[in-house]
Amino acid sequence: MSAPSAPAPDFSSLFSFLPIGAYRSSPAGEMLHANPALVALNGYADEASMLHHVNRISSDWYVLPDRRTAFRRQLERDGFVRGFISEVVRHSDGVRFWVSENAHTVRDGAGCILYYEGTVEDVTGQVQALDAQRASEERLRLLTEQIPGMVFVVHIDPQGRARYRFVSAGVQQIYGLSADAVMREPDILARYRHPEDAPRFERHIRRLDQGLQDEGIEYRIVRNDGAVRWLYRRSDTVSRDADGQVRVGLLLDITERKQAELALRESEVLWKLALDSAGDGVWDWNLATGEEYVSPRIMA
């Protein structure tokens, strides 16, 4: 005597208690069942009322009219749809909101379509948060385009690993790199530091990781074309928690200033040498700095 076959699984309770909307529809597109979450999402009192209205409404619930065609095309091509995000309008009250849909095709043993099953989740909050983030990033981008140099926002984890959250377009002028390249590979900037300045820079960063105030640092980089540039870097911590810290900073190319300082120092040395070689004693007083110079001749 053969053992009795196991009863077919009944998923009706799971369907009813899903926290997101779920449905079953016919191959012709008529909705056959809707769970309580989907009924509530569409603003109806019960399943019967929703099916009565939804299957008789001629207008589409998608705000963009081509979305239903795209959904059906993907379902027919792949047999499933995943994470299909669209803006929709609720027919019961005209409210617009965003949903993420998943669906799959159910076939019989011969491969014929029996029905479609799917889920619908309200993702309005996530979409709005993403839109707000994008708007904030766009405002930051427009603002930093007016600031010389490279503006950056970097997250430092407890192990000292850095990940840039924002890099302004000014990095292109300084390093010859795109902002996207730096955000993808934050260690790329370290490769450009002048070998003589790299240890001093690392000591500076360790001080910041210890929570000390950033008083700024000047250091050199060597670009891919061999050009040596002087940079000034300063940042401030804007938040700190168990996940690390977030710093906002500015990187400026100060090469012209450093070259001018070097030229000034060289000219001062030459001037002093010339005076020391002269027959007469010379005394000079810099009114701006208070610095005095007395040539050896005047002391003779």
Protein backbone atom coordinates (compact mmCIF):
# COMPACT_ATOMS: atom_id res chain seq x y z
CA MET A 1 0.00 0.00 0.00
CA SER A 2 1.49 3.29 -1.07
CA ALA A 3 1.92 6.12 1.39
CA PRO A 4 -0.63 8.91 1.10
CA SER A 5 0.60 11.85 -0.89
CA ALA A 6 1.36 15.05 0.99
CA PRO A 7 -1.30 17.72 0.67
CA ALA A 8 -0.53 20.63 -1.62
CA PRO A 9 0.87 23.60 0.30
CA ASP A 10 -1.63 26.31 1.12
CA PHE A 11 -0.13 29.79 0.98
CA SER A 12 -3.43 31.62 1.48
CA SER A 13 -2.58 32.68 5.04
CA LEU A 14 0.83 33.97 3.95
CA PHE A 15 -0.84 35.87 1.12
CA SER A 16 -3.27 37.48 3.54
CA PHE A 17 -0.72 38.44 6.18
CA LEU A 18 2.02 39.82 3.92
CA PRO A 19 2.90 43.36 5.14
CA ILE A 20 3.10 44.57 1.52
CA GLY A 21 0.49 44.40 -1.21
CA ALA A 22 0.08 41.11 -3.10
CA TYR A 23 -2.21 40.08 -5.95
CA ARG A 24 -3.07 37.43 -8.51
CA SER A 25 -4.29 38.37 -11.99
CA SER A 26 -5.46 36.50 -15.06
CA PRO A 27 -3.50 36.25 -18.34
CA ALA A 28 -5.92 38.87 -19.69
CA GLY A 29 -4.91 41.30 -16.97
CA GLU A 30 -8.01 41.03 -14.75
CA MET A 31 -7.17 41.13 -11.05
CA LEU A 32 -8.46 37.97 -9.36
CA HIS A 33 -7.30 38.41 -5.76
CA ALA A 34 -5.78 41.16 -3.63
CA ASN A 35 -4.52 40.84 -0.07
CA PRO A 36 -5.55 43.27 2.71
CA ALA A 37 -2.31 45.27 2.41
CA LEU A 38 -2.94 45.95 -1.28
CA VAL A 39 -6.59 46.81 -0.60
CA ALA A 40 -5.51 49.35 2.01
CA LEU A 41 -2.75 50.71 -0.25
CA ASN A 42 -5.35 51.46 -2.92
CA GLY A 43 -7.73 53.08 -0.44
CA TYR A 44 -10.61 50.57 -0.57
CA ALA A 45 -12.65 49.13 2.29
CA ASP A 46 -12.41 45.49 1.21
CA GLU A 47 -11.19 43.20 -1.56
CA ALA A 48 -14.56 42.94 -3.30
CA SER A 49 -14.86 46.72 -3.63
CA MET A 50 -11.33 47.01 -4.97
CA LEU A 51 -11.74 44.25 -7.58
CA HIS A 52 -15.07 45.72 -8.66
CA HIS A 53 -13.56 49.14 -9.33
CA VAL A 54 -10.07 48.23 -10.51
CA ASN A 55 -11.28 45.78 -13.16
CA ARG A 56 -13.73 48.35 -14.53
CA ILE A 57 -11.51 51.42 -14.62
CA SER A 58 -10.34 52.21 -18.12
CA SER A 59 -7.59 54.66 -17.06
CA ASP A 60 -4.11 53.41 -16.13
CA TRP A 61 -2.80 53.82 -12.60
CA TYR A 62 0.72 54.61 -13.83
CA VAL A 63 1.48 58.32 -14.09
CA LEU A 64 3.68 57.69 -17.14
CA PRO A 65 1.53 55.90 -19.73
CA ASP A 66 4.36 53.76 -21.15
CA ARG A 67 5.13 52.10 -17.79
CA ARG A 68 2.43 49.41 -18.11
CA THR A 69 3.73 48.46 -21.56
CA ALA A 70 7.27 48.25 -20.19
CA PHE A 71 6.06 46.10 -17.27
CA ARG A 72 4.18 43.67 -19.51
CA ARG A 73 7.03 43.47 -22.02
CA GLN A 74 9.52 42.56 -19.28
CA LEU A 75 7.13 40.01 -17.74
CA GLU A 76 6.48 38.32 -21.09
CA ARG A 77 10.18 38.31 -22.02
CA ASP A 78 11.69 37.10 -18.73
CA GLY A 79 8.75 35.53 -16.93
CA PHE A 80 9.34 37.83 -13.96
CA VAL A 81 9.78 41.49 -12.96
CA ARG A 82 11.96 42.69 -10.08
CA GLY A 83 12.08 46.11 -8.41
CA PHE A 84 9.94 47.91 -11.02
CA ILE A 85 9.65 51.41 -9.53
CA SER A 86 6.98 53.78 -10.83
CA GLU A 87 4.85 56.72 -9.78
CA VAL A 88 1.18 55.78 -9.66
CA VAL A 89 -2.14 57.49 -8.94
CA ARG A 90 -4.66 55.96 -6.57
CA HIS A 91 -8.05 55.83 -8.28
CA SER A 92 -10.00 55.98 -5.02
CA ASP A 93 -8.80 59.52 -4.17
CA GLY A 94 -6.33 60.66 -6.87
CA VAL A 95 -3.30 60.66 -4.53
CA ARG A 96 0.04 60.05 -6.23
CA PHE A 97 2.71 57.83 -4.67
CA TRP A 98 5.64 55.61 -5.66
CA VAL A 99 5.61 51.81 -5.70
CA SER A 100 8.09 49.00 -6.27
CA GLU A 101 6.61 45.97 -8.03
CA ASN A 102 7.68 42.35 -8.34
CA ALA A 103 5.81 39.79 -10.41
CA HIS A 104 6.17 36.32 -11.95
CA THR A 105 4.31 34.07 -14.33
CA VAL A 106 2.67 30.83 -13.10
CA ARG A 107 2.30 28.09 -15.75
CA ASP A 108 0.79 24.63 -15.84
CA GLY A 109 2.60 21.44 -16.74
CA ALA A 110 2.12 22.12 -20.43
CA GLY A 111 3.65 25.58 -20.17
CA CYS A 112 0.40 27.48 -20.54
CA ILE A 113 -0.01 30.61 -18.43
CA LEU A 114 -2.38 30.08 -15.52
CA TYR A 115 -2.06 33.49 -13.89
CA TYR A 116 0.35 36.15 -12.71
CA GLU A 117 1.33 36.81 -9.11
CA GLY A 118 3.01 39.90 -7.77
CA THR A 119 3.71 42.25 -4.90
CA VAL A 120 3.37 46.02 -4.62
CA GLU A 121 5.25 48.03 -1.99
CA ASP A 122 4.87 51.72 -1.22
CA VAL A 123 8.38 53.23 -1.54
CA THR A 124 7.35 56.89 -1.55
CA GLY A 125 9.48 57.69 1.50
CA GLN A 126 12.60 56.13 -0.02
CA VAL A 127 12.10 57.90 -3.35
CA GLN A 128 11.54 61.26 -1.69
CA ALA A 129 14.63 60.78 0.50
CA LEU A 130 16.68 59.92 -2.59
CA ASP A 131 15.32 62.96 -4.43
CA ALA A 132 16.19 65.19 -1.47
CA GLN A 133 19.70 63.74 -1.35
CA ARG A 134 20.17 64.32 -5.07
CA ALA A 135 18.90 67.89 -4.77
CA SER A 136 21.27 68.51 -1.86
CA GLU A 137 24.20 67.06 -3.82
CA GLU A 138 23.32 69.23 -6.82
CA ARG A 139 23.23 72.38 -4.66
CA LEU A 140 26.59 71.40 -3.17
CA ARG A 141 28.02 70.81 -6.64
CA LEU A 142 26.84 74.19 -7.91
CA LEU A 143 28.19 75.93 -4.80
CA THR A 144 31.60 74.26 -4.91
CA GLU A 145 32.01 75.10 -8.58
CA GLN A 146 32.36 78.73 -7.44
CA ILE A 147 35.09 77.85 -4.90
CA PRO A 148 38.70 77.53 -6.08
CA GLY A 149 40.39 74.23 -5.34
CA MET A 150 38.88 70.92 -4.30
CA VAL A 151 36.09 70.71 -1.73
CA PHE A 152 35.58 67.27 -0.23
CA VAL A 153 33.46 65.33 2.27
CA VAL A 154 35.19 62.22 3.57
CA HIS A 155 34.10 59.49 5.99
CA ILE A 156 36.81 57.94 8.16
CA ASP A 157 35.93 54.60 9.74
CA PRO A 158 37.31 53.50 13.16
CA GLN A 159 40.18 51.69 11.39
CA GLY A 160 41.24 54.92 9.67
CA ARG A 161 40.00 53.94 6.22
CA ALA A 162 38.75 56.88 4.17
CA ARG A 163 35.83 56.95 1.75
CA TYR A 164 34.97 60.17 -0.06
CA ARG A 165 31.27 61.01 -0.10
CA PHE A 166 31.72 64.13 -2.20
CA VAL A 167 34.55 65.55 -4.29
CA SER A 168 34.17 68.79 -6.22
CA ALA A 169 35.17 69.23 -9.85
CA GLY A 170 38.21 71.26 -8.76
CA VAL A 171 40.14 68.00 -8.32
CA GLN A 172 40.50 67.87 -12.10
CA GLN A 173 42.52 71.09 -12.18
CA ILE A 174 44.76 70.06 -9.27
CA TYR A 175 45.40 66.38 -9.97
CA GLY A 176 44.10 65.85 -13.49
CA LEU A 177 41.62 63.32 -12.05
CA SER A 178 37.84 63.17 -12.19
CA ALA A 179 35.76 63.40 -9.02
CA ASP A 180 34.25 59.98 -9.80
CA ALA A 181 37.71 58.40 -9.94
CA VAL A 182 38.59 59.72 -6.48
CA MET A 183 35.29 58.59 -4.99
CA ARG A 184 35.71 55.11 -6.48
CA GLU A 185 39.33 54.79 -5.32
CA PRO A 186 40.05 57.10 -2.35
CA ASP A 187 43.68 55.95 -2.03
CA ILE A 188 44.48 57.25 -5.50
CA LEU A 189 45.46 60.69 -4.20
CA ALA A 190 48.16 59.20 -1.95
CA ARG A 191 50.07 58.07 -5.04
CA TYR A 192 50.68 61.67 -6.03
CA ARG A 193 52.26 62.87 -2.77
CA HIS A 194 55.88 63.91 -3.02
CA PRO A 195 58.05 61.19 -1.43
CA GLU A 196 59.76 63.74 0.82
CA ASP A 197 56.44 65.06 2.13
CA ALA A 198 54.52 61.78 2.44
CA PRO A 199 55.73 60.89 5.99
CA ARG A 200 54.88 64.35 7.29
CA PHE A 201 51.43 64.11 5.68
CA GLU A 202 50.79 60.72 7.28
CA ARG A 203 51.71 62.11 10.72
CA HIS A 204 49.26 64.96 10.11
CA ILE A 205 46.43 62.54 9.27
CA ARG A 206 47.16 60.41 12.35
CA ARG A 207 46.78 63.50 14.51
CA LEU A 208 43.37 64.15 12.97
CA ASP A 209 42.32 60.53 13.54
CA GLN A 210 43.14 61.07 17.22
CA GLY A 211 40.66 63.95 17.34
CA LEU A 212 43.15 66.81 17.29
CA GLN A 213 42.26 70.05 15.51
CA ASP A 214 43.37 70.44 11.92
CA GLU A 215 45.61 73.50 11.67
CA GLY A 216 46.28 72.88 8.00
CA ILE A 217 49.23 71.41 6.15
CA GLU A 218 51.26 72.42 3.10
CA TYR A 219 52.78 69.64 1.02
CA ARG A 220 53.82 68.79 -2.50
CA ILE A 221 52.42 66.41 -5.11
CA VAL A 222 53.94 65.13 -8.33
CA ARG A 223 51.48 65.00 -11.21
CA ASN A 224 51.57 62.43 -14.00
CA ASP A 225 53.27 64.96 -16.26
CA GLY A 226 56.11 65.33 -13.73
CA ALA A 227 55.03 68.80 -12.57
CA VAL A 228 55.47 69.45 -8.85
CA ARG A 229 52.60 71.36 -7.24
CA TRP A 230 52.27 72.79 -3.72
CA LEU A 231 48.94 72.17 -1.97
CA TYR A 232 47.31 73.44 1.20
CA ARG A 233 44.85 71.10 2.92
CA ARG A 234 42.55 71.78 5.85
CA SER A 235 39.44 70.01 7.16
CA ASP A 236 37.04 70.01 10.09
CA THR A 237 35.06 67.20 11.72
CA VAL A 238 31.31 67.72 11.30
CA SER A 239 30.13 64.48 12.93
CA ARG A 240 31.56 61.62 14.96
CA ASP A 241 29.96 58.37 16.12
CA ALA A 242 30.68 54.66 16.55
CA ASP A 243 30.99 54.26 12.76
CA GLY A 244 33.75 56.86 12.55
CA GLN A 245 33.83 60.52 11.64
CA VAL A 246 32.84 62.73 8.73
CA ARG A 247 35.19 65.56 7.75
CA VAL A 248 34.61 68.45 5.36
CA GLY A 249 37.69 70.04 3.86
CA LEU A 250 39.33 72.20 1.23
CA LEU A 251 42.40 71.57 -0.89
CA LEU A 252 44.05 74.57 -2.57
CA ASP A 253 46.82 74.78 -5.14
CA ILE A 254 49.31 77.28 -3.64
CA THR A 255 52.12 76.66 -6.12
CA GLU A 256 52.25 80.26 -7.37
CA ARG A 257 52.44 81.59 -3.81
CA LYS A 258 55.23 79.19 -2.86
CA GLN A 259 57.15 80.07 -6.03
CA ALA A 260 56.79 83.78 -5.23
CA GLU A 261 58.04 83.17 -1.66
CA LEU A 262 61.02 81.25 -2.98
CA ALA A 263 61.82 83.97 -5.52
CA LEU A 264 61.57 86.60 -2.78
CA ARG A 265 63.92 84.69 -0.51
CA GLU A 266 66.41 84.23 -3.33
CA SER A 267 66.27 87.94 -4.18
CA GLU A 268 66.83 88.85 -0.52
CA VAL A 269 69.89 86.61 -0.37
CA LEU A 270 71.30 88.16 -3.54
CA TRP A 271 70.58 91.66 -2.24
CA LYS A 272 72.35 90.97 1.05
CA LEU A 273 75.33 89.46 -0.77
CA ALA A 274 75.51 92.56 -2.96
CA LEU A 275 75.41 94.88 0.05
CA ASP A 276 78.00 92.86 1.90
CA SER A 277 80.27 93.22 -1.12
CA ALA A 278 79.80 96.98 -1.26
CA GLY A 279 82.35 99.31 0.29
CA ASP A 280 79.82 101.15 2.45
CA GLY A 281 77.91 99.93 5.46
CA VAL A 282 74.11 99.56 5.03
CA TRP A 283 71.25 99.45 7.54
CA ASP A 284 67.72 98.43 6.50
CA TRP A 285 64.47 98.25 8.48
CA ASN A 286 61.34 96.50 7.11
CA LEU A 287 58.41 98.59 8.39
CA ALA A 288 55.91 95.81 7.68
CA THR A 289 57.71 93.02 9.52
CA GLY A 290 60.00 94.94 11.87
CA GLU A 291 62.97 92.98 10.55
CA GLU A 292 66.32 94.80 10.59
CA TYR A 293 69.39 94.18 8.52
CA VAL A 294 72.83 95.54 9.33
CA SER A 295 75.68 94.79 6.93
CA PRO A 296 79.03 93.77 8.36
CA ARG A 297 80.60 96.97 6.98
CA ILE A 298 78.53 99.21 9.23
CA MET A 299 79.79 97.32 12.26
CA ALA A 300 83.44 97.68 11.26
